[in-house]
Amino acid sequence: MSKSLDSATAATDSTVTETIETIADTAPAVRTAIATHREQAGGVNPSGDTQLAADVRADELFEQRLLGIDGIATYASEERDELATADGRLHVAMDPLDGSSNLEPNSGMGTIFGIYSEQPPTHGKYLLAAGFVIYGPVTSMVVARNGRVREYIAEEDDYRLIDDDVTVPGEPTVFGFGGGVDSWTDSFEGFAEEIRRELKLRYGGAMIADINQVLSYGGLFSYPALQSRPEGKLRLQFEGQPMAYVVETAGGRSSNGNGSLLETNPDDLHERTPLYLGNADLIDRLEASL
């Protein structure tokens, strides 16, 4: 490898590291915003979801801090129509506050991010790292990078490793399915009936918390294609690909019903997708049933 390639690789690695650390450093401020910005924002995001003030504030915090990193070229968010740009060569796509509808009942919420080498909308093969923050009893951060998933605690002036090798447990225990039984397709409903007899229901209304259950206990999370919405509900670039990258790096599988979410190339920044994540054998069964 030439010195120029060595230098470029080192610069990329450094930017990825700084981006992850900046997200961890910003997490306490977002946690504060969850408590202080509980009202409606008076608008909707590009996907038509009602925005809370906490959604907008989290988006502002991440945009400001991430675009301040030397090396980050664009910031894409579920909460805005277009990319925000700066000078650099790497790109961040985020759901700044996943599960914000859980704010009123004070239930699970989080932040999802993906760091790409190509500008979104783009293929999952361009992910360099991805992860999520959960604002639970403690603020934890899960990061997939360089073939391994690690978990950290992210608090004020404290970003420390607690698990150096997060993997999906081999014996699945839990499941969580979104969308509502009345909206499911016949093929998915038949598969869901099988899973109900085998696993324990864990569904909290925030994908990020439900997938963390899968990482902790093994199992399956899905927000399937619906009769009224065959394209699914969740966004591929901001939610699907980053979470697929985490789960696949941890030894699980992802699917849109036909194949890995990481093999999908979106045409639109806010493109939706059916989403299935979990143990590989469960995803195999799911795809066979669909």
C-alpha atoms as a PDB file:
ATOM      1  CA  MET A   1       0.000   0.000   0.000  1.00  0.00           C
ATOM      2  CA  SER A   2       1.328   3.441  -0.913  1.00  0.00           C
ATOM      3  CA  LYS A   3       1.980   6.145   1.642  1.00  0.00           C
ATOM      4  CA  SER A   4      -0.916   8.198   0.244  1.00  0.00           C
ATOM      5  CA  LEU A   5      -3.326   5.263   0.703  1.00  0.00           C
ATOM      6  CA  ASP A   6      -1.963   4.659   4.184  1.00  0.00           C
ATOM      7  CA  SER A   7      -2.566   8.299   4.993  1.00  0.00           C
ATOM      8  CA  ALA A   8      -6.104   8.262   3.580  1.00  0.00           C
ATOM      9  CA  THR A   9      -6.986   5.108   5.534  1.00  0.00           C
ATOM     10  CA  ALA A  10      -5.609   6.594   8.735  1.00  0.00           C
ATOM     11  CA  ALA A  11      -7.579   9.796   8.167  1.00  0.00           C
ATOM     12  CA  THR A  12     -10.780   7.822   7.564  1.00  0.00           C
ATOM     13  CA  ASP A  13     -10.271   5.735  10.709  1.00  0.00           C
ATOM     14  CA  SER A  14      -9.609   8.860  12.719  1.00  0.00           C
ATOM     15  CA  THR A  15     -12.780  10.528  11.450  1.00  0.00           C
ATOM     16  CA  VAL A  16     -14.878   7.445  12.217  1.00  0.00           C
ATOM     17  CA  THR A  17     -13.460   7.343  15.744  1.00  0.00           C
ATOM     18  CA  GLU A  18     -14.106  11.047  16.299  1.00  0.00           C
ATOM     19  CA  THR A  19     -17.661  10.694  14.977  1.00  0.00           C
ATOM     20  CA  ILE A  20     -18.458   7.844  17.366  1.00  0.00           C
ATOM     21  CA  GLU A  21     -16.947   9.744  20.289  1.00  0.00           C
ATOM     22  CA  THR A  22     -18.901  12.884  19.368  1.00  0.00           C
ATOM     23  CA  ILE A  23     -22.180  10.932  19.313  1.00  0.00           C
ATOM     24  CA  ALA A  24     -21.320   9.498  22.740  1.00  0.00           C
ATOM     25  CA  ASP A  25     -20.457  12.975  24.044  1.00  0.00           C
ATOM     26  CA  THR A  26     -23.732  14.382  22.662  1.00  0.00           C
ATOM     27  CA  ALA A  27     -25.915  11.650  24.166  1.00  0.00           C
ATOM     28  CA  PRO A  28     -26.188  13.290  27.626  1.00  0.00           C
ATOM     29  CA  ALA A  29     -27.406  16.522  26.005  1.00  0.00           C
ATOM     30  CA  VAL A  30     -30.033  14.575  24.055  1.00  0.00           C
ATOM     31  CA  ARG A  31     -31.092  12.823  27.242  1.00  0.00           C
ATOM     32  CA  THR A  32     -31.601  16.260  28.807  1.00  0.00           C
ATOM     33  CA  ALA A  33     -33.623  17.393  25.776  1.00  0.00           C
ATOM     34  CA  ILE A  34     -35.934  14.397  26.237  1.00  0.00           C
ATOM     35  CA  ALA A  35     -36.849  15.797  29.656  1.00  0.00           C
ATOM     36  CA  THR A  36     -36.982  19.486  28.734  1.00  0.00           C
ATOM     37  CA  HIS A  37     -38.539  19.387  25.224  1.00  0.00           C
ATOM     38  CA  ARG A  38     -41.659  17.295  25.722  1.00  0.00           C
ATOM     39  CA  GLU A  39     -44.117  19.448  23.762  1.00  0.00           C
ATOM     40  CA  GLN A  40     -45.219  19.098  20.138  1.00  0.00           C
ATOM     41  CA  ALA A  41     -43.000  20.888  17.626  1.00  0.00           C
ATOM     42  CA  GLY A  42     -45.943  21.823  15.411  1.00  0.00           C
ATOM     43  CA  GLY A  43     -44.676  20.086  12.278  1.00  0.00           C
ATOM     44  CA  VAL A  44     -44.034  16.742  10.632  1.00  0.00           C
ATOM     45  CA  ASN A  45     -40.853  15.125   9.376  1.00  0.00           C
ATOM     46  CA  PRO A  46     -40.352  14.171   5.702  1.00  0.00           C
ATOM     47  CA  SER A  47     -41.982  10.789   6.335  1.00  0.00           C
ATOM     48  CA  GLY A  48     -45.133  12.436   7.688  1.00  0.00           C
ATOM     49  CA  ASP A  49     -44.555  11.633  11.371  1.00  0.00           C
ATOM     50  CA  THR A  50     -45.537  14.272  13.915  1.00  0.00           C
ATOM     51  CA  GLN A  51     -42.434  15.903  15.374  1.00  0.00           C
ATOM     52  CA  LEU A  52     -41.910  16.546  19.056  1.00  0.00           C
ATOM     53  CA  ALA A  53     -39.663  19.374  20.212  1.00  0.00           C
ATOM     54  CA  ALA A  54     -37.248  16.695  21.459  1.00  0.00           C
ATOM     55  CA  ASP A  55     -36.954  15.281  17.903  1.00  0.00           C
ATOM     56  CA  VAL A  56     -36.017  18.695  16.567  1.00  0.00           C
ATOM     57  CA  ARG A  57     -33.602  19.474  19.393  1.00  0.00           C
ATOM     58  CA  ALA A  58     -31.796  16.122  19.072  1.00  0.00           C
ATOM     59  CA  ASP A  59     -31.451  16.707  15.325  1.00  0.00           C
ATOM     60  CA  GLU A  60     -30.020  20.185  15.906  1.00  0.00           C
ATOM     61  CA  LEU A  61     -27.497  18.931  18.434  1.00  0.00           C
ATOM     62  CA  PHE A  62     -26.185  16.145  16.221  1.00  0.00           C
ATOM     63  CA  GLU A  63     -26.075  18.286  13.084  1.00  0.00           C
ATOM     64  CA  GLN A  64     -24.097  21.040  14.782  1.00  0.00           C
ATOM     65  CA  ARG A  65     -21.590  18.753  16.446  1.00  0.00           C
ATOM     66  CA  LEU A  66     -21.092  16.206  13.681  1.00  0.00           C
ATOM     67  CA  LEU A  67     -20.657  18.755  10.898  1.00  0.00           C
ATOM     68  CA  GLY A  68     -18.056  20.400  13.119  1.00  0.00           C
ATOM     69  CA  ILE A  69     -15.821  17.344  12.656  1.00  0.00           C
ATOM     70  CA  ASP A  70     -13.098  17.794  10.086  1.00  0.00           C
ATOM     71  CA  GLY A  71     -13.774  14.997   7.603  1.00  0.00           C
ATOM     72  CA  ILE A  72     -17.589  14.825   7.758  1.00  0.00           C
ATOM     73  CA  ALA A  73     -19.090  15.951   4.458  1.00  0.00           C
ATOM     74  CA  THR A  74     -22.824  15.434   4.958  1.00  0.00           C
ATOM     75  CA  TYR A  75     -25.363  14.904   7.708  1.00  0.00           C
ATOM     76  CA  ALA A  76     -28.632  13.176   6.781  1.00  0.00           C
ATOM     77  CA  SER A  77     -31.481  12.846   9.251  1.00  0.00           C
ATOM     78  CA  GLU A  78     -34.941  11.369   9.409  1.00  0.00           C
ATOM     79  CA  GLU A  79     -36.075  14.787  10.659  1.00  0.00           C
ATOM     80  CA  ARG A  80     -35.040  16.835   7.586  1.00  0.00           C
ATOM     81  CA  ASP A  81     -35.735  16.754   3.861  1.00  0.00           C
ATOM     82  CA  GLU A  82     -32.236  17.358   2.543  1.00  0.00           C
ATOM     83  CA  LEU A  83     -28.625  16.705   3.440  1.00  0.00           C
ATOM     84  CA  ALA A  84     -26.743  19.271   5.519  1.00  0.00           C
ATOM     85  CA  THR A  85     -23.263  19.669   4.073  1.00  0.00           C
ATOM     86  CA  ALA A  86     -19.721  20.632   5.042  1.00  0.00           C
ATOM     87  CA  ASP A  87     -16.216  19.884   3.770  1.00  0.00           C
ATOM     88  CA  GLY A  88     -15.056  16.289   4.152  1.00  0.00           C
ATOM     89  CA  ARG A  89     -15.427  12.835   2.657  1.00  0.00           C
ATOM     90  CA  LEU A  90     -17.477  10.757   5.113  1.00  0.00           C
ATOM     91  CA  HIS A  91     -21.228  10.846   5.640  1.00  0.00           C
ATOM     92  CA  VAL A  92     -23.515  10.337   8.648  1.00  0.00           C
ATOM     93  CA  ALA A  93     -27.165   9.225   8.507  1.00  0.00           C
ATOM     94  CA  MET A  94     -29.200   9.323  11.715  1.00  0.00           C
ATOM     95  CA  ASP A  95     -32.510   8.827  13.388  1.00  0.00           C
ATOM     96  CA  PRO A  96     -31.771  11.369  16.130  1.00  0.00           C
ATOM     97  CA  LEU A  97     -34.534  10.193  18.459  1.00  0.00           C
ATOM     98  CA  ASP A  98     -36.027   6.797  17.657  1.00  0.00           C
ATOM     99  CA  GLY A  99     -39.230   5.998  19.530  1.00  0.00           C
ATOM    100  CA  SER A 100     -40.089   9.581  20.458  1.00  0.00           C
ATOM    101  CA  SER A 101     -43.766   8.598  20.649  1.00  0.00           C
ATOM    102  CA  ASN A 102     -42.702   6.867  23.874  1.00  0.00           C
ATOM    103  CA  LEU A 103     -41.845  10.212  25.466  1.00  0.00           C
ATOM    104  CA  GLU A 104     -45.296  10.803  26.956  1.00  0.00           C
ATOM    105  CA  PRO A 105     -45.409   7.431  28.815  1.00  0.00           C
ATOM    106  CA  ASN A 106     -41.677   7.760  29.674  1.00  0.00           C
ATOM    107  CA  SER A 107     -40.685   4.578  27.870  1.00  0.00           C
ATOM    108  CA  GLY A 108     -37.661   3.516  25.777  1.00  0.00           C
ATOM    109  CA  MET A 109     -36.054   5.821  23.203  1.00  0.00           C
ATOM    110  CA  GLY A 110     -32.723   6.040  21.451  1.00  0.00           C
ATOM    111  CA  THR A 111     -30.505   7.343  18.639  1.00  0.00           C
ATOM    112  CA  ILE A 112     -29.470   5.357  15.533  1.00  0.00           C
ATOM    113  CA  PHE A 113     -26.499   6.215  13.328  1.00  0.00           C
ATOM    114  CA  GLY A 114     -24.596   4.968  10.308  1.00  0.00           C
ATOM    115  CA  ILE A 115     -21.258   6.270   9.034  1.00  0.00           C
ATOM    116  CA  TYR A 116     -20.890   5.850   5.261  1.00  0.00           C
ATOM    117  CA  SER A 117     -18.038   6.294   2.791  1.00  0.00           C
ATOM    118  CA  GLU A 118     -20.535   7.337   0.083  1.00  0.00           C
ATOM    119  CA  GLN A 119     -23.188  10.036   0.227  1.00  0.00           C
ATOM    120  CA  PRO A 120     -26.721   8.856   1.089  1.00  0.00           C
ATOM    121  CA  PRO A 121     -28.955   7.590  -0.328  1.00  0.00           C
ATOM    122  CA  THR A 122     -26.518   4.723  -0.772  1.00  0.00           C
ATOM    123  CA  HIS A 123     -25.903   0.987  -0.600  1.00  0.00           C
ATOM    124  CA  GLY A 124     -25.247  -0.743   2.715  1.00  0.00           C
ATOM    125  CA  LYS A 125     -21.827  -1.919   1.514  1.00  0.00           C
ATOM    126  CA  TYR A 126     -20.554   1.612   2.075  1.00  0.00           C
ATOM    127  CA  LEU A 127     -21.126   1.503   5.835  1.00  0.00           C
ATOM    128  CA  LEU A 128     -17.919   1.930   7.818  1.00  0.00           C
ATOM    129  CA  ALA A 129     -19.557   1.752  11.240  1.00  0.00           C
ATOM    130  CA  ALA A 130     -23.025   1.892  12.749  1.00  0.00           C
ATOM    131  CA  GLY A 131     -24.645   1.803  16.123  1.00  0.00           C
ATOM    132  CA  PHE A 132     -27.218   3.137  18.518  1.00  0.00           C
ATOM    133  CA  VAL A 133     -27.636   4.860  21.867  1.00  0.00           C
ATOM    134  CA  ILE A 134     -30.352   3.818  24.328  1.00  0.00           C
ATOM    135  CA  TYR A 135     -31.633   6.361  26.871  1.00  0.00           C
ATOM    136  CA  GLY A 136     -32.668   3.789  29.461  1.00  0.00           C
ATOM    137  CA  PRO A 137     -31.935   3.507  33.187  1.00  0.00           C
ATOM    138  CA  VAL A 138     -28.373   4.135  32.006  1.00  0.00           C
ATOM    139  CA  THR A 139     -27.313   5.638  28.687  1.00  0.00           C
ATOM    140  CA  SER A 140     -25.633   2.840  26.752  1.00  0.00           C
ATOM    141  CA  MET A 141     -24.104   2.843  23.279  1.00  0.00           C
ATOM    142  CA  VAL A 142     -23.653  -0.145  20.954  1.00  0.00           C
ATOM    143  CA  VAL A 143     -21.180   0.219  18.070  1.00  0.00           C
ATOM    144  CA  ALA A 144     -20.424  -2.132  15.169  1.00  0.00           C
ATOM    145  CA  ARG A 145     -17.055  -1.500  13.559  1.00  0.00           C
ATOM    146  CA  ASN A 146     -14.233  -3.537  12.037  1.00  0.00           C
ATOM    147  CA  GLY A 147     -16.095  -6.830  12.358  1.00  0.00           C
ATOM    148  CA  ARG A 148     -16.986  -6.543  16.054  1.00  0.00           C
ATOM    149  CA  VAL A 149     -19.807  -5.098  18.157  1.00  0.00           C
ATOM    150  CA  ARG A 150     -18.949  -3.345  21.407  1.00  0.00           C
ATOM    151  CA  GLU A 151     -21.099  -1.807  24.123  1.00  0.00           C
ATOM    152  CA  TYR A 152     -20.258   1.337  26.108  1.00  0.00           C
ATOM    153  CA  ILE A 153     -21.716   3.488  28.847  1.00  0.00           C
ATOM    154  CA  ALA A 154     -22.072   7.110  27.710  1.00  0.00           C
ATOM    155  CA  GLU A 155     -22.549   9.667  30.475  1.00  0.00           C
ATOM    156  CA  GLU A 156     -21.277  13.151  31.236  1.00  0.00           C
ATOM    157  CA  ASP A 157     -17.483  13.038  30.744  1.00  0.00           C
ATOM    158  CA  ASP A 158     -17.633   9.238  30.845  1.00  0.00           C
ATOM    159  CA  TYR A 159     -17.475   6.981  27.774  1.00  0.00           C
ATOM    160  CA  ARG A 160     -16.291   3.546  28.828  1.00  0.00           C
ATOM    161  CA  LEU A 161     -16.307   0.035  27.375  1.00  0.00           C
ATOM    162  CA  ILE A 162     -18.407  -2.583  29.188  1.00  0.00           C
ATOM    163  CA  ASP A 163     -18.600  -5.404  26.594  1.00  0.00           C
ATOM    164  CA  ASP A 164     -15.876  -5.987  24.009  1.00  0.00           C
ATOM    165  CA  ASP A 165     -17.731  -8.628  21.965  1.00  0.00           C
ATOM    166  CA  VAL A 166     -21.519  -8.370  21.730  1.00  0.00           C
ATOM    167  CA  THR A 167     -23.028 -11.354  19.888  1.00  0.00           C
ATOM    168  CA  VAL A 168     -26.568 -12.544  19.261  1.00  0.00           C
ATOM    169  CA  PRO A 169     -27.185 -15.476  21.658  1.00  0.00           C
ATOM    170  CA  GLY A 170     -27.534 -18.806  19.889  1.00  0.00           C
ATOM    171  CA  GLU A 171     -30.765 -19.821  21.636  1.00  0.00           C
ATOM    172  CA  PRO A 172     -33.492 -17.272  20.786  1.00  0.00           C
ATOM    173  CA  THR A 173     -35.809 -16.159  23.597  1.00  0.00           C
ATOM    174  CA  VAL A 174     -37.805 -13.046  22.636  1.00  0.00           C
ATOM    175  CA  PHE A 175     -39.729 -11.519  19.749  1.00  0.00           C
ATOM    176  CA  GLY A 176     -41.342  -8.182  18.941  1.00  0.00           C
ATOM    177  CA  PHE A 177     -43.525  -7.538  15.874  1.00  0.00           C
ATOM    178  CA  GLY A 178     -44.848  -4.107  14.895  1.00  0.00           C
ATOM    179  CA  GLY A 179     -47.680  -2.966  12.680  1.00  0.00           C
ATOM    180  CA  GLY A 180     -50.655  -4.615  14.387  1.00  0.00           C
ATOM    181  CA  VAL A 181     -52.159  -8.062  13.755  1.00  0.00           C
ATOM    182  CA  ASP A 182     -55.056  -6.668  11.701  1.00  0.00           C
ATOM    183  CA  SER A 183     -52.602  -5.084   9.254  1.00  0.00           C
ATOM    184  CA  TRP A 184     -50.302  -8.069   8.705  1.00  0.00           C
ATOM    185  CA  THR A 185     -50.283 -10.043   5.492  1.00  0.00           C
ATOM    186  CA  ASP A 186     -51.573 -13.622   5.615  1.00  0.00           C
ATOM    187  CA  SER A 187     -48.099 -15.087   5.068  1.00  0.00           C
ATOM    188  CA  PHE A 188     -46.551 -13.071   7.899  1.00  0.00           C
ATOM    189  CA  GLU A 189     -49.445 -13.776  10.240  1.00  0.00           C
ATOM    190  CA  GLY A 190     -48.934 -17.521   9.784  1.00  0.00           C
ATOM    191  CA  PHE A 191     -45.244 -17.177  10.591  1.00  0.00           C
ATOM    192  CA  ALA A 192     -46.036 -14.953  13.591  1.00  0.00           C
ATOM    193  CA  GLU A 193     -48.363 -17.612  15.025  1.00  0.00           C
ATOM    194  CA  GLU A 194     -45.493 -20.106  14.983  1.00  0.00           C
ATOM    195  CA  ILE A 195     -43.142 -17.667  16.720  1.00  0.00           C
ATOM    196  CA  ARG A 196     -45.718 -16.835  19.409  1.00  0.00           C
ATOM    197  CA  ARG A 197     -45.722 -20.469  20.458  1.00  0.00           C
ATOM    198  CA  GLU A 198     -41.932 -20.583  20.729  1.00  0.00           C
ATOM    199  CA  LEU A 199     -40.714 -17.232  22.096  1.00  0.00           C
ATOM    200  CA  LYS A 200     -41.667 -14.580  24.663  1.00  0.00           C
ATOM    201  CA  LEU A 201     -43.229 -11.312  23.532  1.00  0.00           C
ATOM    202  CA  ARG A 202     -41.121  -8.191  24.137  1.00  0.00           C
ATOM    203  CA  TYR A 203     -42.392  -5.141  22.255  1.00  0.00           C
ATOM    204  CA  GLY A 204     -41.969  -1.626  23.579  1.00  0.00           C
ATOM    205  CA  GLY A 205     -42.830   0.633  20.647  1.00  0.00           C
ATOM    206  CA  ALA A 206     -39.239   1.726  19.991  1.00  0.00           C
ATOM    207  CA  MET A 207     -37.294  -0.410  17.524  1.00  0.00           C
ATOM    208  CA  ILE A 208     -34.010   0.438  19.162  1.00  0.00           C
ATOM    209  CA  ALA A 209     -35.013  -1.044  22.528  1.00  0.00           C
ATOM    210  CA  ASP A 210     -36.619  -4.097  20.955  1.00  0.00           C
ATOM    211  CA  ILE A 211     -33.520  -4.894  18.896  1.00  0.00           C
ATOM    212  CA  ASN A 212     -31.352  -4.469  21.967  1.00  0.00           C
ATOM    213  CA  GLN A 213     -33.492  -7.196  23.547  1.00  0.00           C
ATOM    214  CA  VAL A 214     -32.592  -9.424  20.588  1.00  0.00           C
ATOM    215  CA  LEU A 215     -28.898  -8.664  21.086  1.00  0.00           C
ATOM    216  CA  SER A 216     -29.249  -9.463  24.793  1.00  0.00           C
ATOM    217  CA  TYR A 217     -31.445 -12.571  24.682  1.00  0.00           C
ATOM    218  CA  GLY A 218     -31.610 -13.772  21.073  1.00  0.00           C
ATOM    219  CA  GLY A 219     -34.778 -13.742  19.012  1.00  0.00           C
ATOM    220  CA  LEU A 220     -36.464 -11.709  16.305  1.00  0.00           C
ATOM    221  CA  PHE A 221     -37.698  -8.170  15.748  1.00  0.00           C
ATOM    222  CA  SER A 222     -39.740  -7.183  12.737  1.00  0.00           C
ATOM    223  CA  TYR A 223     -41.782  -4.348  11.358  1.00  0.00           C
ATOM    224  CA  PRO A 224     -43.200  -6.232   8.384  1.00  0.00           C
ATOM    225  CA  ALA A 225     -44.756  -5.296   5.098  1.00  0.00           C
ATOM    226  CA  LEU A 226     -48.408  -4.484   5.811  1.00  0.00           C
ATOM    227  CA  GLN A 227     -51.534  -4.913   3.720  1.00  0.00           C
ATOM    228  CA  SER A 228     -51.980  -1.137   3.647  1.00  0.00           C
ATOM    229  CA  ARG A 229     -48.254  -0.374   3.438  1.00  0.00           C
ATOM    230  CA  PRO A 230     -46.371  -3.057   1.476  1.00  0.00           C
ATOM    231  CA  GLU A 231     -43.244  -0.890   1.475  1.00  0.00           C
ATOM    232  CA  GLY A 232     -43.097  -1.068   5.280  1.00  0.00           C
ATOM    233  CA  LYS A 233     -42.874   1.785   7.783  1.00  0.00           C
ATOM    234  CA  LEU A 234     -39.226   2.125   8.818  1.00  0.00           C
ATOM    235  CA  ARG A 235     -36.615   4.060   6.848  1.00  0.00           C
ATOM    236  CA  LEU A 236     -33.874   2.032   5.185  1.00  0.00           C
ATOM    237  CA  GLN A 237     -31.091   4.620   5.351  1.00  0.00           C
ATOM    238  CA  PHE A 238     -31.653   5.880   8.890  1.00  0.00           C
ATOM    239  CA  GLU A 239     -32.921   2.762  10.661  1.00  0.00           C
ATOM    240  CA  GLY A 240     -32.769  -0.352   8.490  1.00  0.00           C
ATOM    241  CA  GLN A 241     -29.189  -0.390   7.251  1.00  0.00           C
ATOM    242  CA  PRO A 242     -27.489   0.811  10.471  1.00  0.00           C
ATOM    243  CA  MET A 243     -29.362  -1.685  12.643  1.00  0.00           C
ATOM    244  CA  ALA A 244     -28.807  -4.453  10.084  1.00  0.00           C
ATOM    245  CA  TYR A 245     -25.081  -3.693  10.196  1.00  0.00           C
ATOM    246  CA  VAL A 246     -25.080  -4.060  13.984  1.00  0.00           C
ATOM    247  CA  VAL A 247     -27.075  -7.297  14.025  1.00  0.00           C
ATOM    248  CA  GLU A 248     -25.176  -8.922  11.156  1.00  0.00           C
ATOM    249  CA  THR A 249     -21.824  -7.964  12.688  1.00  0.00           C
ATOM    250  CA  ALA A 250     -23.047  -9.557  15.937  1.00  0.00           C
ATOM    251  CA  GLY A 251     -23.700 -12.842  14.140  1.00  0.00           C
ATOM    252  CA  GLY A 252     -27.374 -12.428  13.266  1.00  0.00           C
ATOM    253  CA  ARG A 253     -29.146 -11.729  10.013  1.00  0.00           C
ATOM    254  CA  SER A 254     -31.246  -8.965   8.497  1.00  0.00           C
ATOM    255  CA  SER A 255     -33.877  -9.136   5.782  1.00  0.00           C
ATOM    256  CA  ASN A 256     -36.432  -7.119   3.883  1.00  0.00           C
ATOM    257  CA  GLY A 257     -38.278 -10.373   3.205  1.00  0.00           C
ATOM    258  CA  ASN A 258     -36.091 -11.335   0.266  1.00  0.00           C
ATOM    259  CA  GLY A 259     -32.515 -10.711   1.398  1.00  0.00           C
ATOM    260  CA  SER A 260     -30.172  -8.633   3.535  1.00  0.00           C
ATOM    261  CA  LEU A 261     -31.001  -4.983   4.126  1.00  0.00           C
ATOM    262  CA  LEU A 262     -27.325  -4.275   3.519  1.00  0.00           C
ATOM    263  CA  GLU A 263     -27.711  -5.451  -0.083  1.00  0.00           C
ATOM    264  CA  THR A 264     -30.411  -2.889  -0.827  1.00  0.00           C
ATOM    265  CA  ASN A 265     -29.627   0.311  -2.728  1.00  0.00           C
ATOM    266  CA  PRO A 266     -32.246   3.005  -1.977  1.00  0.00           C
ATOM    267  CA  ASP A 267     -33.347   5.462  -4.643  1.00  0.00           C
ATOM    268  CA  ASP A 268     -34.675   7.976  -2.142  1.00  0.00           C
ATOM    269  CA  LEU A 269     -33.163   9.328   1.073  1.00  0.00           C
ATOM    270  CA  HIS A 270     -36.347   8.570   3.030  1.00  0.00           C
ATOM    271  CA  GLU A 271     -37.173   5.257   1.358  1.00  0.00           C
ATOM    272  CA  ARG A 272     -39.062   2.797   3.552  1.00  0.00           C
ATOM    273  CA  THR A 273     -38.529  -0.938   3.932  1.00  0.00           C
ATOM    274  CA  PRO A 274     -40.020  -3.997   5.608  1.00  0.00           C
ATOM    275  CA  LEU A 275     -37.533  -4.950   8.319  1.00  0.00           C
ATOM    276  CA  TYR A 276     -36.682  -8.270   9.976  1.00  0.00           C
ATOM    277  CA  LEU A 277     -33.675  -8.681  12.298  1.00  0.00           C
ATOM    278  CA  GLY A 278     -32.540 -11.517  14.542  1.00  0.00           C
ATOM    279  CA  ASN A 279     -31.083 -14.986  14.776  1.00  0.00           C
ATOM    280  CA  ALA A 280     -30.074 -16.383  11.385  1.00  0.00           C
ATOM    281  CA  ASP A 281     -32.252 -19.496  11.579  1.00  0.00           C
ATOM    282  CA  LEU A 282     -35.334 -17.412  12.380  1.00  0.00           C
ATOM    283  CA  ILE A 283     -34.675 -15.114   9.421  1.00  0.00           C
ATOM    284  CA  ASP A 284     -34.259 -18.189   7.195  1.00  0.00           C
ATOM    285  CA  ARG A 285     -37.648 -19.458   8.352  1.00  0.00           C
ATOM    286  CA  LEU A 286     -39.207 -16.047   7.845  1.00  0.00           C
ATOM    287  CA  GLU A 287     -37.977 -15.724   4.263  1.00  0.00           C
ATOM    288  CA  ALA A 288     -39.182 -19.251   3.479  1.00  0.00           C
ATOM    289  CA  SER A 289     -42.665 -18.405   4.828  1.00  0.00           C
ATOM    290  CA  LEU A 290     -42.880 -15.161   2.852  1.00  0.00           C
END
